């Protein structure tokens, strides 16, 4: 007996697509930039020390160590988000927060602005708000999940911080549209 390829048959219906994961699209560029900065610093230090005639193995090791420390400071955090979670991966490990169970969202101002997300399980993640501005898919995923947290009643603190980020993203998007259309 011959089997027909009928798409209406129950055993041949494809499974629904899995929820997509949004990634920081500019992470690789930021990584290359941090490598470049550390490399330029190392080259300049070695060049200046060699031109002065004071370059030794110990001093070269010191300059390499200094360049490595600069790289560690500049190393970008890799951010990804899926349905119900957001993770950050740095040099020293990965942290994941449940965005559909958020308790608070705070914006820390200082030398570098940080958005601090905390969930009901006690997990805490810090990200640069610029990552959300530069990656609309990440912002969209986080915004949807924070709405779920608010509907559940777990998000008790953070409406102001989220509104600020949303306004900043809207402002950046409008400026980009004006530039592209020639209205700037």
N, C-alpha and C. Protein backbone atom coordinates (compact mmCIF):
# COMPACT_ATOMS: atom_id res chain seq x y z
N UNK A 1 0.85 -1.17 0.00
CA UNK A 1 0.00 0.00 0.00
C UNK A 1 0.89 1.23 0.00
N UNK A 2 0.56 2.17 -0.81
CA UNK A 2 1.35 3.38 -0.98
C UNK A 2 0.90 4.46 -0.01
N UNK A 3 1.87 5.11 0.61
CA UNK A 3 1.55 6.18 1.56
C UNK A 3 1.59 7.52 0.84
N UNK A 4 0.58 8.33 1.05
CA UNK A 4 0.51 9.64 0.41
C UNK A 4 1.10 10.70 1.34
N UNK A 5 1.64 11.74 0.76
CA UNK A 5 2.16 12.86 1.53
C UNK A 5 1.08 13.92 1.68
N UNK A 6 0.18 13.66 2.57
CA UNK A 6 -0.92 14.59 2.82
C UNK A 6 -0.57 15.46 4.03
N UNK A 7 -0.43 16.79 3.85
CA UNK A 7 -0.05 17.65 4.98
C UNK A 7 -1.12 17.73 6.06
N UNK A 8 -2.31 17.22 5.78
CA UNK A 8 -3.37 17.28 6.78
C UNK A 8 -3.31 16.13 7.77
N UNK A 9 -2.48 15.13 7.50
CA UNK A 9 -2.38 14.01 8.42
C UNK A 9 -1.75 14.46 9.73
N UNK A 10 -2.27 13.95 10.82
CA UNK A 10 -1.83 14.39 12.15
C UNK A 10 -0.37 14.06 12.43
N UNK A 11 0.14 12.94 11.93
CA UNK A 11 1.52 12.57 12.25
C UNK A 11 2.55 13.33 11.43
N UNK A 12 2.14 14.13 10.47
CA UNK A 12 3.08 14.86 9.63
C UNK A 12 3.02 16.37 9.85
N UNK A 13 2.29 16.82 10.81
CA UNK A 13 2.22 18.24 11.09
C UNK A 13 3.49 18.66 11.82
N UNK A 14 4.20 19.66 11.30
CA UNK A 14 5.45 20.06 11.95
C UNK A 14 5.18 20.69 13.31
N UNK A 15 6.11 20.53 14.25
CA UNK A 15 5.92 21.14 15.57
C UNK A 15 5.97 22.65 15.47
N UNK A 16 5.35 23.35 16.42
CA UNK A 16 5.39 24.81 16.38
C UNK A 16 6.82 25.30 16.58
N UNK A 17 7.17 26.42 15.99
CA UNK A 17 8.54 26.92 16.12
C UNK A 17 8.84 27.30 17.58
N UNK A 18 10.06 27.02 17.99
CA UNK A 18 10.48 27.37 19.36
C UNK A 18 10.61 28.89 19.45
N UNK A 19 10.43 29.39 20.66
CA UNK A 19 10.57 30.83 20.87
C UNK A 19 11.99 31.24 20.52
N UNK A 20 12.10 32.36 19.85
CA UNK A 20 13.40 32.82 19.40
C UNK A 20 14.18 33.45 20.55
N UNK A 21 15.49 33.35 20.44
CA UNK A 21 16.39 33.94 21.41
C UNK A 21 17.01 35.18 20.76
N UNK A 22 16.95 36.30 21.47
CA UNK A 22 17.53 37.55 20.98
C UNK A 22 18.91 37.71 21.59
N UNK A 23 19.86 38.10 20.76
CA UNK A 23 21.25 38.29 21.20
C UNK A 23 21.67 39.73 20.98
N UNK A 24 22.71 40.13 21.70
CA UNK A 24 23.33 41.44 21.50
C UNK A 24 24.09 41.39 20.18
N UNK A 25 23.60 42.09 19.18
CA UNK A 25 24.18 42.04 17.85
C UNK A 25 25.51 42.80 17.74
N UNK A 26 25.78 43.67 18.69
CA UNK A 26 27.01 44.48 18.63
C UNK A 26 28.10 43.95 19.54
N UNK A 27 27.91 42.77 20.14
CA UNK A 27 28.89 42.23 21.08
C UNK A 27 30.23 41.97 20.40
N UNK A 28 30.22 41.39 19.22
CA UNK A 28 31.48 41.07 18.52
C UNK A 28 32.24 42.34 18.20
N UNK A 29 31.53 43.39 17.80
CA UNK A 29 32.19 44.67 17.52
C UNK A 29 32.82 45.24 18.78
N UNK A 30 32.11 45.15 19.90
CA UNK A 30 32.65 45.64 21.17
C UNK A 30 33.85 44.83 21.62
N UNK A 31 33.83 43.53 21.38
CA UNK A 31 34.97 42.68 21.72
C UNK A 31 36.18 43.05 20.89
N UNK A 32 36.00 43.23 19.60
CA UNK A 32 37.12 43.65 18.73
C UNK A 32 37.66 45.00 19.18
N UNK A 33 36.78 45.89 19.58
CA UNK A 33 37.22 47.21 20.04
C UNK A 33 38.05 47.10 21.31
N UNK A 34 37.66 46.25 22.24
CA UNK A 34 38.43 46.09 23.48
C UNK A 34 39.78 45.45 23.20
N UNK A 35 39.83 44.51 22.27
CA UNK A 35 41.11 43.91 21.88
C UNK A 35 42.01 44.95 21.22
N UNK A 36 41.42 45.77 20.35
CA UNK A 36 42.18 46.82 19.68
C UNK A 36 42.76 47.82 20.68
N UNK A 37 41.94 48.24 21.63
CA UNK A 37 42.42 49.21 22.63
C UNK A 37 43.58 48.65 23.45
N UNK A 38 43.45 47.41 23.88
CA UNK A 38 44.52 46.79 24.66
C UNK A 38 45.77 46.62 23.80
N UNK A 39 45.59 46.24 22.55
CA UNK A 39 46.73 46.07 21.64
C UNK A 39 47.45 47.37 21.35
N UNK A 40 46.69 48.43 21.12
CA UNK A 40 47.30 49.75 20.86
C UNK A 40 48.06 50.22 22.09
N UNK A 41 47.49 50.06 23.27
CA UNK A 41 48.19 50.45 24.49
C UNK A 41 49.51 49.69 24.62
N UNK A 42 49.46 48.38 24.41
CA UNK A 42 50.67 47.56 24.51
C UNK A 42 51.71 48.00 23.50
N UNK A 43 51.30 48.22 22.25
CA UNK A 43 52.24 48.65 21.21
C UNK A 43 52.88 49.99 21.55
N UNK A 44 52.06 50.93 22.02
CA UNK A 44 52.60 52.26 22.36
C UNK A 44 53.57 52.18 23.53
N UNK A 45 53.23 51.43 24.55
CA UNK A 45 54.11 51.30 25.71
C UNK A 45 55.44 50.65 25.33
N UNK A 46 55.37 49.60 24.53
CA UNK A 46 56.61 48.93 24.10
C UNK A 46 57.43 49.84 23.19
N UNK A 47 56.76 50.56 22.30
CA UNK A 47 57.46 51.47 21.38
C UNK A 47 58.15 52.59 22.13
N UNK A 48 57.44 53.20 23.07
CA UNK A 48 58.03 54.30 23.85
C UNK A 48 59.18 53.79 24.71
N UNK A 49 59.00 52.67 25.33
CA UNK A 49 60.06 52.11 26.18
C UNK A 49 61.27 51.72 25.34
N UNK A 50 61.05 51.18 24.16
CA UNK A 50 62.16 50.80 23.28
C UNK A 50 62.88 52.05 22.78
N UNK A 51 62.11 53.08 22.41
CA UNK A 51 62.73 54.32 21.92
C UNK A 51 63.56 54.99 23.01
N UNK A 52 63.15 54.85 24.26
CA UNK A 52 63.89 55.43 25.37
C UNK A 52 65.10 54.57 25.75
N UNK A 53 65.15 53.35 25.20
CA UNK A 53 66.26 52.46 25.50
C UNK A 53 66.18 51.80 26.86
N UNK A 54 64.99 51.74 27.43
CA UNK A 54 64.83 51.17 28.77
C UNK A 54 64.02 49.88 28.77
N UNK A 55 63.78 49.31 27.60
CA UNK A 55 62.96 48.10 27.51
C UNK A 55 63.75 46.88 27.98
N UNK A 56 63.21 46.22 28.98
CA UNK A 56 63.79 44.96 29.48
C UNK A 56 62.69 43.92 29.48
N UNK A 57 63.07 42.67 29.74
CA UNK A 57 62.07 41.61 29.79
C UNK A 57 61.05 41.86 30.90
N UNK A 58 61.52 42.33 32.03
CA UNK A 58 60.62 42.60 33.15
C UNK A 58 59.65 43.73 32.82
N UNK A 59 60.14 44.79 32.18
CA UNK A 59 59.27 45.91 31.80
C UNK A 59 58.28 45.48 30.71
N UNK A 60 58.72 44.65 29.79
CA UNK A 60 57.82 44.15 28.75
C UNK A 60 56.70 43.32 29.38
N UNK A 61 57.05 42.49 30.37
CA UNK A 61 56.04 41.72 31.09
C UNK A 61 55.07 42.64 31.82
N UNK A 62 55.57 43.72 32.38
CA UNK A 62 54.71 44.69 33.05
C UNK A 62 53.73 45.32 32.07
N UNK A 63 54.20 45.68 30.87
CA UNK A 63 53.33 46.30 29.86
C UNK A 63 52.30 45.31 29.35
N UNK A 64 52.70 44.05 29.17
CA UNK A 64 51.74 43.03 28.74
C UNK A 64 50.66 42.83 29.81
N UNK A 65 51.07 42.83 31.07
CA UNK A 65 50.11 42.70 32.17
C UNK A 65 49.15 43.88 32.21
N UNK A 66 49.67 45.07 32.00
CA UNK A 66 48.82 46.27 31.99
C UNK A 66 47.82 46.22 30.84
N UNK A 67 48.26 45.79 29.66
CA UNK A 67 47.36 45.67 28.52
C UNK A 67 46.30 44.60 28.78
N UNK A 68 46.69 43.49 29.41
CA UNK A 68 45.73 42.44 29.73
C UNK A 68 44.69 42.94 30.73
N UNK A 69 45.12 43.72 31.71
CA UNK A 69 44.16 44.29 32.67
C UNK A 69 43.19 45.24 31.98
N UNK A 70 43.69 46.03 31.03
CA UNK A 70 42.79 46.91 30.28
C UNK A 70 41.77 46.09 29.50
N UNK A 71 42.22 45.00 28.89
CA UNK A 71 41.29 44.13 28.17
C UNK A 71 40.22 43.57 29.10
N UNK A 72 40.62 43.14 30.30
CA UNK A 72 39.66 42.61 31.26
C UNK A 72 38.63 43.65 31.67
N UNK A 73 39.06 44.89 31.82
CA UNK A 73 38.14 45.96 32.20
C UNK A 73 37.17 46.27 31.06
N UNK A 74 37.66 46.24 29.84
CA UNK A 74 36.84 46.61 28.69
C UNK A 74 36.03 45.45 28.10
N UNK A 75 36.27 44.23 28.57
CA UNK A 75 35.59 43.06 28.00
C UNK A 75 34.08 43.23 28.10
N UNK A 76 33.36 43.16 26.96
CA UNK A 76 31.92 43.38 26.99
C UNK A 76 31.16 42.16 27.50
N UNK A 77 30.07 42.42 28.19
CA UNK A 77 29.19 41.36 28.66
C UNK A 77 28.29 40.95 27.52
N UNK A 78 28.14 39.65 27.32
CA UNK A 78 27.27 39.14 26.26
C UNK A 78 25.87 38.94 26.81
N UNK A 79 24.89 39.59 26.20
CA UNK A 79 23.50 39.55 26.68
C UNK A 79 22.64 38.78 25.69
N UNK A 80 21.80 37.91 26.22
CA UNK A 80 20.84 37.17 25.40
C UNK A 80 19.53 37.09 26.18
N UNK A 81 18.43 37.00 25.45
CA UNK A 81 17.12 36.90 26.10
C UNK A 81 16.21 36.00 25.29
N UNK A 82 15.46 35.20 26.02
CA UNK A 82 14.45 34.34 25.41
C UNK A 82 13.15 34.53 26.17
N UNK A 83 12.19 33.72 25.85
CA UNK A 83 10.90 33.85 26.51
C UNK A 83 11.03 33.50 27.99
N UNK A 84 10.91 34.51 28.84
CA UNK A 84 10.94 34.30 30.28
C UNK A 84 12.30 34.40 30.93
N UNK A 85 13.36 34.73 30.20
CA UNK A 85 14.69 34.82 30.81
C UNK A 85 15.58 35.81 30.09
N UNK A 86 16.57 36.29 30.80
CA UNK A 86 17.62 37.15 30.25
C UNK A 86 18.93 36.71 30.90
N UNK A 87 19.97 36.53 30.10
CA UNK A 87 21.24 36.09 30.66
C UNK A 87 22.36 37.01 30.24
N UNK A 88 23.35 37.10 31.10
CA UNK A 88 24.57 37.84 30.80
C UNK A 88 25.74 36.89 31.00
N UNK A 89 26.68 36.95 30.06
CA UNK A 89 27.86 36.10 30.16
C UNK A 89 29.09 36.97 30.07
N UNK A 90 29.87 36.95 31.12
CA UNK A 90 31.12 37.70 31.17
C UNK A 90 32.30 36.76 31.28
N UNK A 91 33.43 37.30 31.64
CA UNK A 91 34.64 36.49 31.79
C UNK A 91 34.54 35.50 32.94
N UNK A 92 33.76 35.84 33.94
CA UNK A 92 33.73 35.03 35.16
C UNK A 92 32.43 34.27 35.37
N UNK A 93 31.70 34.00 34.29
CA UNK A 93 30.51 33.18 34.42
C UNK A 93 29.27 33.79 33.80
N UNK A 94 28.19 33.01 33.91
CA UNK A 94 26.91 33.39 33.33
C UNK A 94 25.90 33.59 34.45
N UNK A 95 25.08 34.63 34.30
CA UNK A 95 23.99 34.88 35.24
C UNK A 95 22.70 34.93 34.43
N UNK A 96 21.66 34.32 34.98
CA UNK A 96 20.37 34.29 34.29
C UNK A 96 19.28 34.69 35.26
N UNK A 97 18.43 35.62 34.82
CA UNK A 97 17.31 36.08 35.63
C UNK A 97 16.02 35.72 34.90
N UNK A 98 15.01 35.35 35.66
CA UNK A 98 13.70 35.04 35.09
C UNK A 98 12.94 36.35 34.92
N UNK A 99 12.80 36.80 33.70
CA UNK A 99 12.16 38.08 33.43
C UNK A 99 10.64 38.01 33.55
N UNK A 100 10.09 36.82 33.56
CA UNK A 100 8.65 36.71 33.76
C UNK A 100 8.30 36.60 35.25
N UNK A 101 9.33 36.64 36.12
CA UNK A 101 9.14 36.62 37.57
C UNK A 101 9.95 37.74 38.22
N UNK A 102 9.99 38.90 37.59
CA UNK A 102 10.78 40.01 38.13
C UNK A 102 10.12 40.61 39.37
N UNK A 103 10.97 41.00 40.31
CA UNK A 103 10.52 41.69 41.51
C UNK A 103 10.82 43.18 41.39
N UNK A 104 12.02 43.50 40.88
CA UNK A 104 12.38 44.91 40.76
C UNK A 104 13.28 45.14 39.55
N UNK A 105 13.17 46.35 39.04
CA UNK A 105 14.03 46.84 37.97
C UNK A 105 14.48 48.23 38.40
N UNK A 106 15.78 48.40 38.55
CA UNK A 106 16.30 49.70 38.97
C UNK A 106 17.36 50.18 38.01
N UNK A 107 17.46 51.48 37.85
CA UNK A 107 18.48 52.09 37.01
C UNK A 107 19.49 52.76 37.93
N UNK A 108 20.74 52.30 37.86
CA UNK A 108 21.82 52.87 38.67
C UNK A 108 22.60 53.85 37.81
N UNK A 109 22.65 55.09 38.26
CA UNK A 109 23.44 56.10 37.56
C UNK A 109 24.79 56.20 38.23
N UNK A 110 25.78 56.55 37.48
CA UNK A 110 27.13 56.68 37.99
C UNK A 110 28.06 56.83 36.81
N UNK A 111 29.26 56.31 36.95
CA UNK A 111 30.22 56.38 35.85
C UNK A 111 29.65 55.66 34.63
N UNK A 112 29.10 54.49 34.85
CA UNK A 112 28.42 53.74 33.79
C UNK A 112 27.01 53.42 34.23
N UNK A 113 26.04 53.75 33.41
CA UNK A 113 24.65 53.47 33.77
C UNK A 113 24.41 51.97 33.71
N UNK A 114 23.67 51.45 34.65
CA UNK A 114 23.36 50.04 34.73
C UNK A 114 21.88 49.86 35.02
N UNK A 115 21.29 48.84 34.43
CA UNK A 115 19.92 48.45 34.70
C UNK A 115 20.01 47.15 35.50
N UNK A 116 19.46 47.16 36.71
CA UNK A 116 19.56 46.01 37.61
C UNK A 116 18.20 45.31 37.64
N UNK A 117 18.19 44.04 37.26
CA UNK A 117 16.98 43.22 37.24
C UNK A 117 17.10 42.18 38.35
N UNK A 118 16.04 42.03 39.14
CA UNK A 118 16.03 41.03 40.22
C UNK A 118 14.73 40.24 40.15
N UNK A 119 14.85 38.90 40.24
CA UNK A 119 13.65 38.07 40.14
C UNK A 119 13.24 37.51 41.50
N UNK A 120 12.13 36.78 41.53
CA UNK A 120 11.59 36.26 42.78
C UNK A 120 12.48 35.18 43.40
N UNK A 121 13.41 34.64 42.63
CA UNK A 121 14.30 33.60 43.12
C UNK A 121 15.59 34.17 43.71
N UNK A 122 15.72 35.50 43.72
CA UNK A 122 16.89 36.15 44.29
C UNK A 122 18.03 36.39 43.32
N UNK A 123 17.86 36.02 42.08
CA UNK A 123 18.91 36.23 41.09
C UNK A 123 18.93 37.68 40.65
N UNK A 124 20.12 38.20 40.45
CA UNK A 124 20.29 39.61 40.09
C UNK A 124 21.20 39.70 38.87
N UNK A 125 20.81 40.51 37.90
CA UNK A 125 21.59 40.72 36.69
C UNK A 125 21.70 42.21 36.43
N UNK A 126 22.89 42.67 36.04
CA UNK A 126 23.10 44.06 35.67
C UNK A 126 23.46 44.12 34.19
N UNK A 127 22.80 45.04 33.47
CA UNK A 127 23.13 45.24 32.07
C UNK A 127 23.21 46.73 31.78
N UNK A 128 23.92 47.05 30.73
CA UNK A 128 24.01 48.42 30.26
C UNK A 128 22.75 48.72 29.45
N UNK A 129 22.01 49.79 29.78
CA UNK A 129 20.79 50.10 29.02
C UNK A 129 21.06 50.33 27.54
N UNK A 130 22.29 50.68 27.20
CA UNK A 130 22.66 50.92 25.80
C UNK A 130 22.48 49.64 24.96
N UNK A 131 22.68 48.48 25.60
CA UNK A 131 22.50 47.21 24.90
C UNK A 131 21.04 47.07 24.44
N UNK A 132 20.11 47.49 25.28
CA UNK A 132 18.69 47.42 24.92
C UNK A 132 18.35 48.43 23.83
N UNK A 133 18.98 49.61 23.89
CA UNK A 133 18.74 50.64 22.88
C UNK A 133 19.26 50.16 21.52
N UNK A 134 20.43 49.52 21.51
CA UNK A 134 21.05 49.08 20.26
C UNK A 134 20.45 47.80 19.70
N UNK A 135 19.70 47.07 20.51
CA UNK A 135 19.15 45.78 20.08
C UNK A 135 17.65 45.74 20.36
N UNK A 136 16.84 46.19 19.42
CA UNK A 136 15.39 46.23 19.64
C UNK A 136 14.78 44.87 19.99
N UNK A 137 15.33 43.78 19.47
CA UNK A 137 14.78 42.46 19.78
C UNK A 137 14.96 42.13 21.27
N UNK A 138 16.08 42.50 21.85
CA UNK A 138 16.30 42.30 23.28
C UNK A 138 15.30 43.12 24.09
N UNK A 139 15.13 44.39 23.70
CA UNK A 139 14.19 45.25 24.41
C UNK A 139 12.77 44.69 24.32
N UNK A 140 12.38 44.27 23.13
CA UNK A 140 11.03 43.74 22.93
C UNK A 140 10.79 42.53 23.83
N UNK A 141 11.76 41.62 23.88
CA UNK A 141 11.63 40.42 24.72
C UNK A 141 11.52 40.80 26.20
N UNK A 142 12.38 41.72 26.65
CA UNK A 142 12.34 42.16 28.05
C UNK A 142 11.05 42.89 28.36
N UNK A 143 10.60 43.74 27.47
CA UNK A 143 9.36 44.50 27.68
C UNK A 143 8.16 43.57 27.81
N UNK A 144 8.07 42.56 26.94
CA UNK A 144 6.96 41.61 27.03
C UNK A 144 6.96 40.87 28.36
N UNK A 145 8.15 40.43 28.78
CA UNK A 145 8.23 39.65 30.02
C UNK A 145 8.00 40.51 31.26
N UNK A 146 8.40 41.78 31.22
CA UNK A 146 8.12 42.64 32.38
C UNK A 146 6.63 42.91 32.50
N UNK A 147 5.94 42.94 31.39
CA UNK A 147 4.48 43.08 31.43
C UNK A 147 3.84 41.85 32.07
N UNK A 148 4.38 40.68 31.78
CA UNK A 148 3.88 39.44 32.40
C UNK A 148 4.12 39.51 33.91
N UNK A 149 5.31 39.96 34.32
CA UNK A 149 5.61 40.09 35.75
C UNK A 149 4.66 41.07 36.42
N UNK A 150 4.36 42.17 35.74
CA UNK A 150 3.44 43.16 36.31
C UNK A 150 2.03 42.58 36.44
N UNK A 151 1.59 41.82 35.44
CA UNK A 151 0.26 41.22 35.51
C UNK A 151 0.18 40.17 36.62
N UNK A 152 1.26 39.47 36.87
CA UNK A 152 1.29 38.48 37.96
C UNK A 152 1.34 39.14 39.33
N UNK A 153 1.77 40.40 39.35
CA UNK A 153 1.87 41.12 40.61
C UNK A 153 3.21 40.98 41.30
N UNK A 154 4.17 40.35 40.65
CA UNK A 154 5.48 40.18 41.28
C UNK A 154 6.36 41.41 41.11
N UNK A 155 6.16 42.18 40.04
CA UNK A 155 6.98 43.38 39.79
C UNK A 155 6.46 44.53 40.64
N UNK A 156 7.14 44.77 41.76
CA UNK A 156 6.68 45.79 42.70
C UNK A 156 7.42 47.11 42.55
N UNK A 157 8.60 47.07 41.95
CA UNK A 157 9.43 48.27 41.83
C UNK A 157 10.09 48.26 40.47
N UNK A 158 9.90 49.32 39.69
CA UNK A 158 10.61 49.37 38.43
C UNK A 158 9.88 50.04 37.30
N UNK A 159 8.68 50.48 37.51
CA UNK A 159 7.93 51.11 36.42
C UNK A 159 8.64 52.36 35.90
N UNK A 160 9.21 53.15 36.79
CA UNK A 160 9.90 54.37 36.38
C UNK A 160 11.14 54.06 35.56
N UNK A 161 11.94 53.10 36.00
CA UNK A 161 13.15 52.72 35.28
C UNK A 161 12.81 52.18 33.89
N UNK A 162 11.79 51.36 33.81
CA UNK A 162 11.39 50.82 32.51
C UNK A 162 10.85 51.91 31.59
N UNK A 163 10.12 52.86 32.17
CA UNK A 163 9.60 53.96 31.36
C UNK A 163 10.74 54.81 30.80
N UNK A 164 11.78 55.04 31.62
CA UNK A 164 12.94 55.81 31.15
C UNK A 164 13.64 55.10 30.00
N UNK A 165 13.85 53.81 30.14
CA UNK A 165 14.50 53.05 29.07
C UNK A 165 13.63 53.07 27.82
N UNK A 166 12.33 52.90 27.98
CA UNK A 166 11.41 52.92 26.85
C UNK A 166 11.44 54.28 26.14
N UNK A 167 11.44 55.37 26.92
CA UNK A 167 11.51 56.70 26.32
C UNK A 167 12.82 56.91 25.57
N UNK A 168 13.90 56.41 26.14
CA UNK A 168 15.21 56.54 25.49
C UNK A 168 15.23 55.77 24.17
N UNK A 169 14.67 54.56 24.18
CA UNK A 169 14.62 53.75 22.96
C UNK A 169 13.74 54.43 21.92
N UNK A 170 12.59 54.98 22.33
CA UNK A 170 11.72 55.69 21.40
C UNK A 170 12.42 56.91 20.81
N UNK A 171 13.15 57.64 21.65
CA UNK A 171 13.87 58.83 21.19
C UNK A 171 14.95 58.44 20.17
N UNK A 172 15.73 57.40 20.48
CA UNK A 172 16.78 56.93 19.57
C UNK A 172 16.18 56.44 18.25
N UNK A 173 15.06 55.75 18.32
CA UNK A 173 14.41 55.24 17.11
C UNK A 173 13.91 56.40 16.25
N UNK A 174 13.32 57.39 16.88
CA UNK A 174 12.83 58.56 16.13
C UNK A 174 13.99 59.30 15.47
N UNK A 175 15.08 59.48 16.19
CA UNK A 175 16.25 60.15 15.61
C UNK A 175 16.80 59.37 14.42
N UNK A 176 16.82 58.06 14.53
CA UNK A 176 17.30 57.22 13.43
C UNK A 176 16.39 57.34 12.21
N UNK A 177 15.08 57.35 12.45
CA UNK A 177 14.13 57.50 11.34
C UNK A 177 14.31 58.86 10.68
N UNK A 178 14.50 59.91 11.48
CA UNK A 178 14.70 61.24 10.90
C UNK A 178 16.00 61.30 10.08
N UNK A 179 17.05 60.69 10.58
CA UNK A 179 18.32 60.69 9.84
C UNK A 179 18.20 59.93 8.52
N UNK A 180 17.56 58.77 8.56
CA UNK A 180 17.42 57.96 7.35
C UNK A 180 16.55 58.67 6.33
N UNK A 181 15.53 59.36 6.78
CA UNK A 181 14.62 60.04 5.85
C UNK A 181 15.11 61.42 5.43
N UNK A 182 16.22 61.88 6.02
CA UNK A 182 16.78 63.17 5.65
C UNK A 182 16.12 64.35 6.33
N UNK A 183 15.39 64.13 7.41
CA UNK A 183 14.69 65.20 8.11
C UNK A 183 15.43 65.71 9.34
N UNK A 184 16.67 65.31 9.53
CA UNK A 184 17.39 65.72 10.74
C UNK A 184 17.91 67.12 10.69
